[in-house]
Amino acid sequence: MNKQRTGINSRRKDKKEKWQSGFQHMVNIKDQKLVDLQPLVPWDDWVEGLEAIIDNSGYHLDEISESNTEKVQEEKNRNIHPPVT
């Protein structure tokens, strides 16, 4: 059990580091998506707030199941993951 938990924690840590690296790259190049989504607050304050969210494990990204077609359809029907337009 402990070995399994260690593996899960390691994958979670790797995923978080990948998100942080991707976000940092977007900030460094001032990605147009970030610019378009920026609210009426100074850029540095907004980026600082986003970094705090990324660092806080209380926030998480819901992910849609790709292997269970019934679950995918159920999530779509419940609008958990609305279709991309």
N, C-alpha and C. Protein backbone atom coordinates (compact mmCIF):
# COMPACT_ATOMS: atom_id res chain seq x y z
N MET A 1 0.83 -1.20 0.00
CA MET A 1 0.00 0.00 0.00
C MET A 1 0.87 1.26 0.00
N ASN A 2 1.91 1.26 0.82
CA ASN A 2 2.78 2.43 0.92
C ASN A 2 3.49 2.69 -0.41
N LYS A 3 3.89 1.61 -1.10
CA LYS A 3 4.55 1.76 -2.39
C LYS A 3 3.61 2.39 -3.41
N GLN A 4 2.36 1.95 -3.38
CA GLN A 4 1.36 2.48 -4.30
C GLN A 4 1.12 3.96 -4.04
N ARG A 5 1.02 4.33 -2.77
CA ARG A 5 0.81 5.73 -2.41
C ARG A 5 1.99 6.58 -2.85
N THR A 6 3.19 6.06 -2.69
CA THR A 6 4.39 6.78 -3.12
C THR A 6 4.35 7.03 -4.62
N GLY A 7 3.92 6.03 -5.39
CA GLY A 7 3.81 6.18 -6.84
C GLY A 7 2.77 7.22 -7.22
N ILE A 8 1.64 7.20 -6.54
CA ILE A 8 0.57 8.17 -6.81
C ILE A 8 1.05 9.57 -6.49
N ASN A 9 1.69 9.73 -5.34
CA ASN A 9 2.19 11.05 -4.95
C ASN A 9 3.25 11.55 -5.92
N SER A 10 4.09 10.64 -6.40
CA SER A 10 5.13 11.02 -7.35
C SER A 10 4.52 11.50 -8.67
N ARG A 11 3.51 10.78 -9.15
CA ARG A 11 2.85 11.19 -10.40
C ARG A 11 2.14 12.53 -10.21
N ARG A 12 1.52 12.71 -9.05
CA ARG A 12 0.84 13.98 -8.76
C ARG A 12 1.84 15.12 -8.74
N LYS A 13 3.00 14.88 -8.13
CA LYS A 13 4.05 15.91 -8.06
C LYS A 13 4.57 16.23 -9.46
N ASP A 14 4.78 15.20 -10.27
CA ASP A 14 5.25 15.42 -11.65
C ASP A 14 4.25 16.24 -12.45
N LYS A 15 2.97 15.93 -12.28
CA LYS A 15 1.92 16.64 -12.99
C LYS A 15 1.88 18.11 -12.57
N LYS A 16 2.00 18.34 -11.27
CA LYS A 16 1.97 19.72 -10.75
C LYS A 16 3.17 20.51 -11.29
N GLU A 17 4.34 19.88 -11.30
CA GLU A 17 5.53 20.56 -11.82
C GLU A 17 5.38 20.88 -13.30
N LYS A 18 4.73 19.99 -14.05
CA LYS A 18 4.50 20.23 -15.47
C LYS A 18 3.56 21.43 -15.66
N TRP A 19 2.50 21.50 -14.84
CA TRP A 19 1.58 22.64 -14.91
C TRP A 19 2.31 23.94 -14.59
N GLN A 20 3.13 23.91 -13.52
CA GLN A 20 3.85 25.11 -13.11
C GLN A 20 4.81 25.57 -14.21
N SER A 21 5.49 24.61 -14.82
CA SER A 21 6.42 24.94 -15.89
C SER A 21 5.68 25.53 -17.09
N GLY A 22 4.57 24.93 -17.45
CA GLY A 22 3.77 25.43 -18.56
C GLY A 22 3.24 26.82 -18.30
N PHE A 23 2.76 27.04 -17.08
CA PHE A 23 2.24 28.36 -16.72
C PHE A 23 3.35 29.40 -16.75
N GLN A 24 4.51 29.05 -16.21
CA GLN A 24 5.64 29.98 -16.20
C GLN A 24 6.04 30.36 -17.62
N HIS A 25 6.01 29.39 -18.52
CA HIS A 25 6.32 29.67 -19.92
C HIS A 25 5.30 30.64 -20.50
N MET A 26 4.02 30.41 -20.22
CA MET A 26 2.97 31.30 -20.72
C MET A 26 3.16 32.72 -20.20
N VAL A 27 3.56 32.85 -18.93
CA VAL A 27 3.80 34.18 -18.35
C VAL A 27 5.00 34.83 -19.02
N ASN A 28 6.07 34.05 -19.20
CA ASN A 28 7.30 34.60 -19.78
C ASN A 28 7.10 35.14 -21.19
N ILE A 29 6.27 34.45 -21.97
CA ILE A 29 6.05 34.91 -23.35
C ILE A 29 4.82 35.80 -23.45
N LYS A 30 4.18 36.04 -22.29
CA LYS A 30 2.95 36.83 -22.23
C LYS A 30 1.95 36.30 -23.26
N ASP A 31 1.63 35.01 -23.07
CA ASP A 31 0.75 34.28 -23.98
C ASP A 31 -0.57 35.03 -24.18
N GLN A 32 -1.04 35.04 -25.41
CA GLN A 32 -2.26 35.78 -25.75
C GLN A 32 -3.47 35.30 -24.97
N LYS A 33 -3.53 34.00 -24.65
CA LYS A 33 -4.66 33.49 -23.87
C LYS A 33 -4.70 34.13 -22.49
N LEU A 34 -3.53 34.28 -21.87
CA LEU A 34 -3.48 34.94 -20.56
C LEU A 34 -3.86 36.40 -20.68
N VAL A 35 -3.37 37.05 -21.71
CA VAL A 35 -3.69 38.47 -21.92
C VAL A 35 -5.19 38.64 -22.11
N ASP A 36 -5.80 37.77 -22.91
CA ASP A 36 -7.24 37.86 -23.17
C ASP A 36 -8.08 37.61 -21.91
N LEU A 37 -7.59 36.76 -21.02
CA LEU A 37 -8.35 36.41 -19.81
C LEU A 37 -8.07 37.33 -18.63
N GLN A 38 -7.10 38.20 -18.76
CA GLN A 38 -6.71 39.07 -17.64
C GLN A 38 -7.86 39.99 -17.24
N PRO A 39 -8.23 39.95 -15.95
CA PRO A 39 -9.25 40.89 -15.47
C PRO A 39 -8.64 42.29 -15.29
N LEU A 40 -9.44 43.20 -14.79
CA LEU A 40 -8.98 44.58 -14.62
C LEU A 40 -8.14 44.74 -13.35
N VAL A 41 -7.06 44.00 -13.29
CA VAL A 41 -6.07 44.13 -12.21
C VAL A 41 -4.70 44.16 -12.87
N PRO A 42 -3.71 44.74 -12.19
CA PRO A 42 -2.36 44.76 -12.77
C PRO A 42 -1.86 43.35 -13.08
N TRP A 43 -1.10 43.23 -14.16
CA TRP A 43 -0.58 41.94 -14.62
C TRP A 43 0.13 41.18 -13.50
N ASP A 44 1.04 41.85 -12.79
CA ASP A 44 1.82 41.17 -11.74
C ASP A 44 0.93 40.63 -10.63
N ASP A 45 -0.08 41.39 -10.24
CA ASP A 45 -1.01 40.94 -9.19
C ASP A 45 -1.80 39.73 -9.66
N TRP A 46 -2.21 39.76 -10.92
CA TRP A 46 -3.00 38.67 -11.46
C TRP A 46 -2.17 37.39 -11.55
N VAL A 47 -0.94 37.51 -12.05
CA VAL A 47 -0.05 36.36 -12.16
C VAL A 47 0.25 35.80 -10.77
N GLU A 48 0.47 36.67 -9.80
CA GLU A 48 0.73 36.23 -8.43
C GLU A 48 -0.45 35.43 -7.88
N GLY A 49 -1.65 35.89 -8.15
CA GLY A 49 -2.85 35.17 -7.71
C GLY A 49 -2.97 33.81 -8.37
N LEU A 50 -2.67 33.75 -9.66
CA LEU A 50 -2.71 32.47 -10.38
C LEU A 50 -1.65 31.50 -9.85
N GLU A 51 -0.47 32.02 -9.54
CA GLU A 51 0.59 31.17 -8.98
C GLU A 51 0.17 30.61 -7.63
N ALA A 52 -0.51 31.41 -6.83
CA ALA A 52 -0.98 30.94 -5.52
C ALA A 52 -1.99 29.81 -5.70
N ILE A 53 -2.84 29.92 -6.70
CA ILE A 53 -3.82 28.86 -6.96
C ILE A 53 -3.11 27.59 -7.41
N ILE A 54 -2.13 27.72 -8.29
CA ILE A 54 -1.40 26.54 -8.77
C ILE A 54 -0.66 25.86 -7.62
N ASP A 55 -0.10 26.65 -6.71
CA ASP A 55 0.65 26.09 -5.59
C ASP A 55 -0.24 25.47 -4.52
N ASN A 56 -1.51 25.83 -4.48
CA ASN A 56 -2.42 25.35 -3.45
C ASN A 56 -3.04 24.03 -3.90
N SER A 57 -2.77 22.97 -3.16
CA SER A 57 -3.29 21.66 -3.55
C SER A 57 -4.79 21.54 -3.31
N GLY A 58 -5.40 22.54 -2.68
CA GLY A 58 -6.84 22.52 -2.47
C GLY A 58 -7.61 22.73 -3.76
N TYR A 59 -6.97 23.36 -4.73
CA TYR A 59 -7.59 23.54 -6.04
C TYR A 59 -7.18 22.36 -6.91
N HIS A 60 -8.05 21.94 -7.79
CA HIS A 60 -7.69 20.87 -8.70
C HIS A 60 -8.42 21.04 -10.02
N LEU A 61 -7.90 20.39 -11.01
CA LEU A 61 -8.48 20.43 -12.34
C LEU A 61 -9.30 19.17 -12.54
N ASP A 62 -10.60 19.34 -12.77
CA ASP A 62 -11.42 18.18 -13.07
C ASP A 62 -11.02 17.64 -14.42
N GLU A 63 -10.87 16.34 -14.47
CA GLU A 63 -10.48 15.72 -15.73
C GLU A 63 -11.57 14.75 -16.14
N ILE A 64 -11.86 14.74 -17.40
CA ILE A 64 -12.89 13.85 -17.92
C ILE A 64 -12.27 12.47 -18.15
N SER A 65 -13.04 11.45 -17.85
CA SER A 65 -12.58 10.08 -18.07
C SER A 65 -12.60 9.79 -19.56
N GLU A 66 -11.50 9.33 -20.09
CA GLU A 66 -11.45 9.02 -21.52
C GLU A 66 -11.59 7.53 -21.77
N SER A 67 -11.50 6.71 -20.73
CA SER A 67 -11.53 5.27 -20.92
C SER A 67 -12.91 4.68 -20.69
N ASN A 68 -13.77 5.35 -19.97
CA ASN A 68 -15.09 4.83 -19.66
C ASN A 68 -16.13 5.65 -20.42
N THR A 69 -16.61 5.11 -21.54
CA THR A 69 -17.51 5.88 -22.40
C THR A 69 -18.83 6.22 -21.72
N GLU A 70 -19.32 5.32 -20.85
CA GLU A 70 -20.56 5.62 -20.12
C GLU A 70 -20.35 6.81 -19.20
N LYS A 71 -19.24 6.83 -18.50
CA LYS A 71 -18.95 7.92 -17.58
C LYS A 71 -18.76 9.23 -18.35
N VAL A 72 -18.11 9.17 -19.49
CA VAL A 72 -17.92 10.36 -20.32
C VAL A 72 -19.27 10.93 -20.71
N GLN A 73 -20.17 10.07 -21.20
CA GLN A 73 -21.48 10.53 -21.63
C GLN A 73 -22.27 11.10 -20.45
N GLU A 74 -22.17 10.45 -19.30
CA GLU A 74 -22.87 10.94 -18.10
C GLU A 74 -22.35 12.32 -17.70
N GLU A 75 -21.03 12.52 -17.74
CA GLU A 75 -20.45 13.81 -17.40
C GLU A 75 -20.87 14.88 -18.40
N LYS A 76 -20.93 14.51 -19.67
CA LYS A 76 -21.39 15.47 -20.68
C LYS A 76 -22.84 15.83 -20.45
N ASN A 77 -23.67 14.83 -20.14
CA ASN A 77 -25.09 15.08 -19.91
C ASN A 77 -25.31 15.98 -18.70
N ARG A 78 -24.47 15.84 -17.70
CA ARG A 78 -24.60 16.65 -16.48
C ARG A 78 -23.87 17.99 -16.63
N ASN A 79 -23.32 18.24 -17.80
CA ASN A 79 -22.58 19.48 -18.10
C ASN A 79 -21.38 19.68 -17.19
N ILE A 80 -20.79 18.58 -16.75
CA ILE A 80 -19.57 18.70 -15.96
C ILE A 80 -18.46 19.24 -16.86
N HIS A 81 -18.45 18.78 -18.07
CA HIS A 81 -17.46 19.23 -19.05
C HIS A 81 -18.22 19.63 -20.31
N PRO A 82 -18.70 20.86 -20.37
CA PRO A 82 -19.46 21.28 -21.54
C PRO A 82 -18.62 21.19 -22.81
N PRO A 83 -19.25 20.95 -23.94
CA PRO A 83 -18.49 20.83 -25.18
C PRO A 83 -17.76 22.12 -25.52
N VAL A 84 -16.59 21.98 -26.10
CA VAL A 84 -15.78 23.13 -26.49
C VAL A 84 -16.39 23.73 -27.75
N THR A 85 -16.59 25.05 -27.73
CA THR A 85 -17.18 25.70 -28.90
C THR A 85 -16.18 26.62 -29.56
